[in-house]
Amino acid sequence: MATADDRRALATLVRNHPVRLAREMGYDRLVEGLHDRWIRELAFGRGDMTLQAHRGSYKTTCLKVALWLVALTQPSVTCGFLRKASDDVESVMESVSAMLESDVSAMVSETIYGRAARVTEATSTSVSTDLACNVSGEPQVSGYGIGGSLTGKHFDRVYTDDIVTIRDRASRAERERTRGVYMELQNVRNPGGRIVNTGTPWHRGDAFDLMPEPERWTWRDTGLLSADEVSSLQRSMTRSLFAANYELRHVAAEGAIFEGEPETFSDPSLLADGEMHVDAAYGGEDGTAVTCIAWHGDEPYVHGLLWPETHVDRCMDAICELHGRLRLGTLRMERNADKGYLAEAFRARGLPVETYQERQNKHIKISTHARGAWPRLRRLDDASPKCCAYWDEVMDYAAGAPHDDAPDSLACAVRMRGSGVTVQLFKGGI
């Protein structure tokens, strides 16, 4: 039987040093001080709050620990947990359930209640224990992807984690969808309840501008990344992406060629009988970029994909599938690098291929052809990783940029109009 001193000691441990408990359950990358503070605010704080921290800072791990603590120490509280995708929700539910079944959890509940708590519900969307005593009979923790229905749901605490992702950076429609879900949460929390948000910003117009002013923790503030790790990250991505994800700020690339963001379209059939340009990579740090383009009057409708640091041979199947699915016509590519080998490989698969000898300076080509069409350009609203990578590289392009495969492909695709090359239309597949 726990004594009063035992309970006081546990209360001090739970409030001031939750990381020590988390480490006993296997979360040994959490650090005392920093993560103690985050967990304490998430589990025991008052009022709405937003915690923004750089990628790789273990903020989601802290949220898992906080949900575990709420379930154990505040069994009358109901928690709603939201992430962008349902699969991500399932992994968090599994972690919370595993913590509740741990020896550490048994020790905590025995000290508080005189018995070990028992998990009574553990599914991909809900977790509860036999401590639960809320009047609604709801599980202690319920999880949802933001595409799930929240109609009729009510919670004392609502936790959102990474409901803003790279998809919101690439797609205006996705940003509006996420914002709509967040606004609905005001009707989901019970009177006197709180909404707690954790994540990383991706775009100036994302859902974070609806949330309380965030507590920001950049890579400089946490001390979790070494100088070498930071240097490696800076080399692996564009400046604006690094600024958003590790410095928690939005910047325009210095000397950026492209201003603003193009309008989007959602119907891929608008690309039918258009052309495809392939900027092939043959090794090293170059990426394989593909631009699909169809002109409607003076407006270029574009869909782009980028395979970073990927040899074109590994992309051929996907490129051919894309060509057939979008019902495209002529495929154009440069023959300088491989003397026509790749063109013959595509022809062998039934694609109509035209090659050309590149003579124009790349930066001038991008600055004239691609930039000239930019105000009229429309892009397919696609939030897939390869499409996001393509537009990230385009919109962050500046003279001397370390990676320019996507903007180069876009410039070549725009330049194809009026080139005098015969455009073959789609002939029924590959």
Protein backbone atom coordinates (compact mmCIF):
# COMPACT_ATOMS: atom_id res chain seq x y z
CA MET A 1 0.00 0.00 0.00
CA ALA A 2 1.43 3.36 -1.09
CA THR A 3 1.99 5.93 1.64
CA ALA A 4 1.31 9.64 1.49
CA ASP A 5 5.03 10.22 0.96
CA ASP A 6 4.97 7.77 -1.97
CA ARG A 7 2.11 9.66 -3.58
CA ARG A 8 3.82 13.02 -3.09
CA ALA A 9 7.03 11.68 -4.61
CA LEU A 10 5.11 10.31 -7.60
CA ALA A 11 3.27 13.61 -8.10
CA THR A 12 6.62 15.42 -8.21
CA LEU A 13 7.99 12.88 -10.68
CA VAL A 14 4.95 13.05 -12.96
CA ARG A 15 4.80 16.84 -12.97
CA ASN A 16 8.47 17.74 -13.08
CA HIS A 17 10.30 14.74 -14.54
CA PRO A 18 7.97 12.79 -16.86
CA VAL A 19 10.90 12.04 -19.17
CA ARG A 20 12.32 9.72 -16.52
CA LEU A 21 9.13 7.65 -16.68
CA ALA A 22 9.13 7.75 -20.50
CA ARG A 23 12.69 6.48 -20.64
CA GLU A 24 11.72 3.50 -18.49
CA MET A 25 9.23 2.63 -21.24
CA GLY A 26 11.82 2.81 -24.00
CA TYR A 27 11.70 6.44 -25.09
CA ASP A 28 15.37 7.01 -24.39
CA ARG A 29 15.87 9.81 -26.92
CA LEU A 30 13.82 12.26 -24.89
CA VAL A 31 15.92 14.74 -22.92
CA GLU A 32 15.20 16.05 -19.47
CA GLY A 33 14.37 19.71 -19.17
CA LEU A 34 13.24 20.42 -22.74
CA HIS A 35 10.90 17.47 -23.17
CA ASP A 36 9.80 17.57 -19.54
CA ARG A 37 8.50 21.07 -20.24
CA TRP A 38 6.69 20.05 -23.43
CA ILE A 39 5.02 17.03 -21.83
CA ARG A 40 3.96 19.06 -18.78
CA GLU A 41 2.31 21.73 -20.95
CA LEU A 42 0.61 19.15 -23.18
CA ALA A 43 -0.76 17.04 -20.32
CA PHE A 44 -1.41 19.56 -17.54
CA GLY A 45 -1.46 23.01 -19.14
CA ARG A 46 -4.48 25.30 -19.26
CA GLY A 47 -6.09 26.99 -22.25
CA ASP A 48 -5.48 26.49 -25.93
CA MET A 49 -1.87 26.27 -27.06
CA THR A 50 0.28 25.65 -30.12
CA LEU A 51 3.71 24.05 -29.97
CA GLN A 52 5.80 24.36 -33.13
CA ALA A 53 9.08 22.52 -33.13
CA HIS A 54 11.48 21.54 -35.88
CA ARG A 55 11.28 18.18 -37.58
CA GLY A 56 13.01 15.42 -35.63
CA SER A 57 12.50 17.13 -32.25
CA TYR A 58 10.36 14.27 -30.81
CA LYS A 59 7.30 16.44 -30.34
CA THR A 60 4.99 13.57 -31.35
CA THR A 61 6.73 11.29 -28.84
CA CYS A 62 6.07 13.90 -26.15
CA LEU A 63 2.42 13.98 -27.17
CA LYS A 64 2.17 10.19 -26.82
CA VAL A 65 3.56 10.43 -23.30
CA ALA A 66 1.16 13.26 -22.50
CA LEU A 67 -1.85 11.20 -23.67
CA TRP A 68 -0.64 8.33 -21.49
CA LEU A 69 -0.36 10.61 -18.46
CA VAL A 70 -3.83 12.10 -19.01
CA ALA A 71 -5.37 8.63 -19.25
CA LEU A 72 -3.69 7.57 -15.99
CA THR A 73 -3.96 10.70 -13.87
CA GLN A 74 -7.17 12.32 -15.24
CA PRO A 75 -9.46 9.36 -16.00
CA SER A 76 -12.59 11.52 -16.27
CA VAL A 77 -11.13 13.46 -19.22
CA THR A 78 -11.93 12.51 -22.82
CA CYS A 79 -9.30 13.25 -25.48
CA GLY A 80 -9.75 13.55 -29.24
CA PHE A 81 -6.55 13.09 -31.24
CA LEU A 82 -6.21 14.15 -34.90
CA ARG A 83 -3.49 13.63 -37.47
CA LYS A 84 -3.49 14.10 -41.23
CA ALA A 85 -3.73 10.39 -42.12
CA SER A 86 -5.58 7.53 -40.43
CA ASP A 87 -2.49 5.28 -40.57
CA ASP A 88 -0.58 7.78 -38.45
CA VAL A 89 -3.39 7.78 -35.90
CA GLU A 90 -3.17 4.01 -35.56
CA SER A 91 0.53 4.09 -34.69
CA VAL A 92 -0.09 6.63 -31.90
CA MET A 93 -2.98 4.58 -30.49
CA GLU A 94 -0.73 1.51 -30.42
CA SER A 95 1.98 3.42 -28.54
CA VAL A 96 -0.42 4.81 -25.92
CA SER A 97 -1.95 1.37 -25.39
CA ALA A 98 1.50 -0.22 -24.99
CA MET A 99 2.47 2.39 -22.38
CA LEU A 100 -0.73 1.76 -20.43
CA GLU A 101 0.13 -1.94 -20.31
CA SER A 102 3.71 -1.36 -19.11
CA ASP A 103 5.18 -2.03 -15.68
CA VAL A 104 5.74 1.70 -15.26
CA SER A 105 2.04 2.31 -15.83
CA ALA A 106 1.17 -0.36 -13.25
CA MET A 107 3.46 1.31 -10.71
CA VAL A 108 1.89 4.73 -11.28
CA SER A 109 -1.70 3.51 -11.05
CA GLU A 110 -0.99 1.32 -7.99
CA THR A 111 0.50 4.32 -6.21
CA ILE A 112 -2.48 6.54 -7.06
CA TYR A 113 -5.41 4.10 -6.94
CA GLY A 114 -4.09 1.11 -5.03
CA ARG A 115 -4.35 -1.18 -8.06
CA ALA A 116 -2.91 -1.57 -11.54
CA ALA A 117 -4.97 -0.07 -14.33
CA ARG A 118 -6.22 -2.49 -16.96
CA VAL A 119 -6.63 -1.63 -20.65
CA THR A 120 -10.26 -2.35 -21.60
CA GLU A 121 -10.23 -1.00 -25.15
CA ALA A 122 -7.36 -0.87 -27.60
CA THR A 123 -8.21 -0.39 -31.28
CA SER A 124 -6.73 1.55 -34.17
CA THR A 125 -8.92 4.52 -33.21
CA SER A 126 -9.49 4.30 -29.45
CA VAL A 127 -7.84 3.47 -26.13
CA SER A 128 -9.41 3.22 -22.70
CA THR A 129 -8.81 1.69 -19.26
CA ASP A 130 -10.95 0.49 -16.38
CA LEU A 131 -10.13 3.80 -14.68
CA ALA A 132 -12.38 5.68 -17.11
CA CYS A 133 -15.16 7.58 -15.37
CA ASN A 134 -16.38 10.18 -17.84
CA VAL A 135 -20.15 10.70 -17.93
CA SER A 136 -20.40 10.18 -21.72
CA GLY A 137 -19.00 6.66 -21.69
CA GLU A 138 -16.60 7.60 -24.49
CA PRO A 139 -13.08 6.06 -24.67
CA GLN A 140 -10.43 8.04 -22.88
CA VAL A 141 -8.52 8.63 -26.15
CA SER A 142 -10.17 8.62 -29.60
CA GLY A 143 -8.16 9.08 -32.81
CA TYR A 144 -9.16 10.41 -36.23
CA GLY A 145 -7.57 11.23 -39.55
CA ILE A 146 -8.73 14.65 -40.71
CA GLY A 147 -10.82 12.98 -43.39
CA GLY A 148 -12.90 11.20 -40.74
CA SER A 149 -16.28 12.44 -39.57
CA LEU A 150 -16.37 14.46 -36.36
CA THR A 151 -20.12 14.99 -36.46
CA GLY A 152 -21.62 14.57 -33.01
CA LYS A 153 -18.22 14.12 -31.33
CA HIS A 154 -17.31 16.05 -28.19
CA PHE A 155 -14.10 15.95 -26.14
CA ASP A 156 -12.64 17.70 -23.11
CA ARG A 157 -9.27 17.92 -24.85
CA VAL A 158 -8.57 18.03 -28.56
CA TYR A 159 -5.00 17.33 -29.67
CA THR A 160 -3.89 17.94 -33.26
CA ASP A 161 -0.51 16.69 -34.40
CA ASP A 162 0.95 17.35 -37.85
CA ILE A 163 -2.42 18.03 -39.45
CA VAL A 164 -0.42 20.47 -41.63
CA THR A 165 2.02 18.58 -43.89
CA ILE A 166 3.90 18.96 -47.16
CA ARG A 167 0.60 18.38 -48.93
CA ASP A 168 -0.56 21.75 -47.59
CA ARG A 169 2.53 23.41 -49.03
CA ALA A 170 1.84 22.05 -52.48
CA SER A 171 -1.95 22.30 -52.69
CA ARG A 172 -4.26 25.23 -52.04
CA ALA A 173 -7.22 22.83 -51.94
CA GLU A 174 -5.49 20.77 -49.24
CA ARG A 175 -4.81 23.90 -47.19
CA GLU A 176 -8.46 24.88 -47.34
CA ARG A 177 -9.54 21.37 -46.36
CA THR A 178 -7.24 21.37 -43.33
CA ARG A 179 -8.39 24.84 -42.30
CA GLY A 180 -12.01 23.72 -42.52
CA VAL A 181 -11.36 20.72 -40.26
CA TYR A 182 -9.58 22.89 -37.71
CA MET A 183 -12.43 25.40 -37.58
CA GLU A 184 -14.85 22.53 -36.96
CA LEU A 185 -12.91 21.60 -33.83
CA GLN A 186 -14.32 24.65 -32.07
CA ASN A 187 -17.65 22.79 -32.00
CA VAL A 188 -16.05 19.51 -30.94
CA ARG A 189 -14.43 20.53 -27.66
CA ASN A 190 -16.64 20.62 -24.60
CA PRO A 191 -17.26 23.93 -22.78
CA GLY A 192 -14.16 24.78 -20.78
CA GLY A 193 -12.06 22.33 -22.80
CA ARG A 194 -8.84 23.06 -24.63
CA ILE A 195 -7.37 22.55 -28.10
CA VAL A 196 -3.67 21.74 -28.21
CA ASN A 197 -1.74 21.79 -31.49
CA THR A 198 1.69 20.43 -32.33
CA GLY A 199 3.46 20.43 -35.66
CA THR A 200 5.66 22.22 -38.17
CA PRO A 201 4.56 25.03 -40.53
CA TRP A 202 4.65 24.49 -44.28
CA HIS A 203 2.97 27.50 -45.94
CA ARG A 204 2.04 31.09 -45.12
CA GLY A 205 -1.64 30.30 -45.59
CA ASP A 206 -1.81 26.98 -43.74
CA ALA A 207 -4.03 26.20 -40.73
CA PHE A 208 -1.46 27.46 -38.23
CA ASP A 209 -2.67 31.03 -38.79
CA LEU A 210 -6.00 29.98 -37.20
CA MET A 211 -4.29 28.63 -34.09
CA PRO A 212 -3.02 30.45 -30.97
CA GLU A 213 0.35 32.16 -31.36
CA PRO A 214 2.80 29.26 -31.21
CA GLU A 215 5.63 28.57 -28.84
CA ARG A 216 8.45 28.06 -31.34
CA TRP A 217 11.45 25.81 -30.94
CA THR A 218 13.92 25.95 -33.86
CA TRP A 219 16.97 23.72 -34.27
CA ARG A 220 19.00 26.44 -32.56
CA ASP A 221 16.70 26.40 -29.51
CA THR A 222 16.46 22.66 -28.83
CA GLY A 223 20.12 21.68 -29.14
CA LEU A 224 19.01 18.33 -30.55
CA LEU A 225 20.90 18.61 -33.86
CA SER A 226 24.66 18.76 -34.28
CA ALA A 227 26.36 21.23 -36.62
CA ASP A 228 27.14 18.37 -39.02
CA GLU A 229 23.51 17.23 -39.05
CA VAL A 230 22.32 20.76 -39.77
CA SER A 231 24.84 21.16 -42.57
CA SER A 232 23.74 17.88 -44.13
CA LEU A 233 20.08 18.90 -43.96
CA GLN A 234 20.80 22.26 -45.57
CA ARG A 235 22.53 20.52 -48.47
CA SER A 236 19.67 18.08 -48.97
CA MET A 237 16.82 20.58 -49.45
CA THR A 238 15.98 24.02 -50.72
CA ARG A 239 16.58 27.05 -48.53
CA SER A 240 12.87 27.78 -48.09
CA LEU A 241 12.11 24.21 -47.06
CA PHE A 242 14.91 24.22 -44.50
CA ALA A 243 13.68 27.55 -43.15
CA ALA A 244 10.12 26.27 -42.77
CA ASN A 245 10.98 22.92 -41.22
CA TYR A 246 13.98 23.73 -39.04
CA GLU A 247 13.77 27.49 -38.46
CA LEU A 248 9.93 27.63 -38.40
CA ARG A 249 9.71 30.59 -40.74
CA HIS A 250 8.66 31.21 -44.31
CA VAL A 251 11.14 32.85 -46.64
CA ALA A 252 11.38 33.46 -50.32
CA ALA A 253 14.48 32.07 -51.95
CA GLU A 254 17.02 34.83 -52.49
CA GLY A 255 16.96 35.91 -56.11
CA ALA A 256 13.95 33.67 -56.80
CA ILE A 257 12.95 33.69 -60.46
CA PHE A 258 9.31 32.79 -59.90
CA GLU A 259 7.03 35.09 -57.92
CA GLY A 260 3.75 34.00 -56.39
CA GLU A 261 2.01 30.67 -56.74
CA PRO A 262 0.26 29.43 -59.90
CA GLU A 263 -3.44 28.64 -59.99
CA THR A 264 -4.39 24.96 -59.91
CA PHE A 265 -6.76 22.75 -61.86
CA SER A 266 -8.18 19.41 -60.74
CA ASP A 267 -9.20 17.65 -63.98
CA PRO A 268 -6.24 15.68 -65.41
CA SER A 269 -8.11 15.19 -68.71
CA LEU A 270 -7.15 18.78 -69.51
CA LEU A 271 -3.67 17.41 -70.22
CA ALA A 272 -4.86 14.93 -72.87
CA ASP A 273 -3.01 15.16 -76.20
CA GLY A 274 -0.44 17.40 -74.56
CA GLU A 275 3.31 16.82 -74.62
CA MET A 276 5.81 15.37 -72.16
CA HIS A 277 9.35 16.49 -71.47
CA VAL A 278 11.84 14.24 -69.67
CA ASP A 279 14.97 15.66 -68.04
CA ALA A 280 16.83 12.43 -67.34
CA ALA A 281 19.38 11.83 -64.60
CA TYR A 282 22.19 9.33 -65.08
CA GLY A 283 23.65 9.27 -61.58
CA GLY A 284 25.01 11.48 -58.83
CA GLU A 285 22.86 14.12 -57.16
CA ASP A 286 20.79 14.93 -60.26
CA GLY A 287 17.11 14.07 -60.29
CA THR A 288 14.86 12.86 -63.08
CA ALA A 289 12.19 15.47 -63.83
CA VAL A 290 9.10 15.01 -66.00
CA THR A 291 6.87 17.83 -67.23
CA CYS A 292 3.49 17.21 -68.87
CA ILE A 293 2.05 20.25 -70.64
CA ALA A 294 -1.05 21.10 -72.66
CA TRP A 295 -1.92 24.54 -73.98
CA HIS A 296 -5.42 25.98 -73.72
CA GLY A 297 -5.25 29.22 -75.59
CA ASP A 298 -2.29 31.08 -74.14
CA GLU A 299 -2.40 29.22 -70.84
CA PRO A 300 -0.08 26.26 -70.20
CA TYR A 301 -1.64 23.49 -68.08
CA VAL A 302 1.17 21.62 -66.38
CA HIS A 303 1.77 18.52 -64.28
CA GLY A 304 5.29 17.87 -63.00
CA LEU A 305 7.03 15.05 -61.14
CA LEU A 306 10.55 14.84 -59.74
CA TRP A 307 12.51 11.79 -58.63
CA PRO A 308 15.39 13.36 -56.63
CA GLU A 309 18.81 11.74 -57.04
CA THR A 310 17.29 8.94 -59.13
CA HIS A 311 18.67 7.38 -62.33
CA VAL A 312 16.16 7.53 -65.16
CA ASP A 313 16.21 3.74 -65.60
CA ARG A 314 14.46 3.43 -62.24
CA CYS A 315 11.69 5.80 -63.38
CA MET A 316 10.93 4.44 -66.85
CA ASP A 317 7.98 2.29 -65.87
CA ALA A 318 6.37 5.16 -63.97
CA ILE A 319 7.00 7.61 -66.82
CA CYS A 320 5.43 5.27 -69.37
CA GLU A 321 2.43 4.65 -67.12
CA LEU A 322 1.98 8.40 -66.65
CA HIS A 323 2.17 9.02 -70.40
CA GLY A 324 -0.56 6.49 -71.08
CA ARG A 325 -2.78 7.48 -68.16
CA LEU A 326 -2.79 11.15 -69.15
CA ARG A 327 -3.16 10.27 -72.86
CA LEU A 328 -0.17 12.38 -73.87
CA GLY A 329 1.39 12.76 -77.29
CA THR A 330 4.99 13.60 -78.20
CA LEU A 331 7.70 12.93 -75.61
CA ARG A 332 10.74 15.18 -75.99
CA MET A 333 14.18 14.88 -74.46
CA GLU A 334 17.74 16.03 -74.90
CA ARG A 335 20.07 13.63 -76.69
CA ASN A 336 23.34 15.23 -75.53
CA ALA A 337 24.01 12.99 -72.56
CA ASP A 338 23.39 9.48 -73.91
CA LYS A 339 23.53 9.90 -77.71
CA GLY A 340 19.91 8.79 -78.11
CA TYR A 341 19.97 5.57 -76.05
CA LEU A 342 17.08 6.60 -73.79
CA ALA A 343 14.96 7.79 -76.71
CA GLU A 344 15.25 4.39 -78.33
CA ALA A 345 14.28 2.72 -75.05
CA PHE A 346 11.09 4.79 -74.90
CA ARG A 347 10.34 4.16 -78.58
CA ALA A 348 10.66 0.44 -77.91
CA ARG A 349 7.80 0.86 -75.44
CA GLY A 350 5.64 2.52 -78.06
CA LEU A 351 6.00 6.19 -77.12
CA PRO A 352 6.36 8.86 -79.84
CA VAL A 353 9.76 10.44 -79.11
CA GLU A 354 11.51 13.51 -80.48
CA THR A 355 15.03 14.49 -79.43
CA TYR A 356 16.90 17.76 -79.63
CA GLN A 357 20.42 19.11 -79.16
CA GLU A 358 20.54 21.59 -76.28
CA ARG A 359 22.42 24.79 -77.04
CA GLN A 360 20.79 27.38 -74.81
CA ASN A 361 22.21 28.47 -71.44
CA LYS A 362 20.12 26.80 -68.72
CA HIS A 363 19.62 29.85 -66.49
CA ILE A 364 18.63 32.06 -69.42
CA LYS A 365 16.24 29.35 -70.63
CA ILE A 366 14.53 29.14 -67.23
CA SER A 367 14.51 32.93 -66.77
CA THR A 368 12.86 33.54 -70.13
CA HIS A 369 10.66 30.62 -71.21
CA ALA A 370 9.50 29.33 -67.81
CA ARG A 371 9.34 32.70 -66.08
CA GLY A 372 7.57 34.27 -69.06
CA ALA A 373 4.77 31.70 -68.90
CA TRP A 374 4.54 31.71 -65.08
CA PRO A 375 1.73 34.32 -64.68
CA ARG A 376 -0.53 32.28 -67.01
CA LEU A 377 0.54 28.81 -65.88
CA ARG A 378 -1.92 26.39 -64.25
CA ARG A 379 -0.72 23.30 -62.39
CA LEU A 380 -2.50 20.06 -61.60
CA ASP A 381 -3.58 19.97 -57.97
CA ASP A 382 -1.64 16.90 -56.86
CA ALA A 383 -0.17 16.55 -53.36
CA SER A 384 1.90 13.42 -54.01
CA PRO A 385 5.52 13.56 -52.78
CA LYS A 386 7.04 13.55 -56.29
CA CYS A 387 4.76 16.35 -57.43
CA CYS A 388 5.53 18.36 -54.29
CA ALA A 389 9.26 17.84 -54.87
CA TYR A 390 8.89 19.13 -58.46
CA TRP A 391 7.12 22.36 -57.51
CA ASP A 392 9.34 22.95 -54.48
CA GLU A 393 12.38 22.93 -56.75
CA VAL A 394 10.69 25.16 -59.33
CA MET A 395 9.42 27.79 -56.90
CA ASP A 396 12.71 27.92 -55.00
CA TYR A 397 14.89 28.20 -58.12
CA ALA A 398 17.43 31.02 -58.23
CA ALA A 399 20.67 31.51 -60.12
CA GLY A 400 23.25 29.10 -58.75
CA ALA A 401 20.66 26.81 -57.13
CA PRO A 402 22.18 23.40 -56.31
CA HIS A 403 19.29 21.57 -57.99
CA ASP A 404 17.56 22.75 -61.16
CA ASP A 405 16.21 19.64 -62.90
CA ALA A 406 12.52 20.53 -62.45
CA PRO A 407 12.72 24.20 -63.55
CA ASP A 408 14.90 23.17 -66.49
CA SER A 409 12.32 20.59 -67.58
CA LEU A 410 9.53 23.15 -67.19
CA ALA A 411 11.42 25.68 -69.31
CA CYS A 412 12.04 23.08 -72.02
CA ALA A 413 8.38 22.05 -71.98
CA VAL A 414 7.21 25.65 -72.40
CA ARG A 415 9.79 26.23 -75.15
CA MET A 416 8.46 23.25 -77.13
CA ARG A 417 5.48 25.34 -78.26
CA GLY A 418 6.29 26.91 -81.57
CA SER A 419 9.48 24.84 -81.95
CA GLY A 420 8.42 23.55 -85.34
CA VAL A 421 8.47 19.92 -84.21
CA THR A 422 5.50 17.82 -85.31
CA VAL A 423 3.33 16.99 -82.31
CA GLN A 424 1.92 13.48 -82.36
CA LEU A 425 -1.32 12.92 -80.50
CA PHE A 426 -2.15 10.08 -78.16
CA LYS A 427 -2.63 6.81 -80.06
CA GLY A 428 -4.29 4.58 -77.51
CA GLY A 429 -1.70 3.56 -75.00
CA ILE A 430 1.78 2.16 -74.68
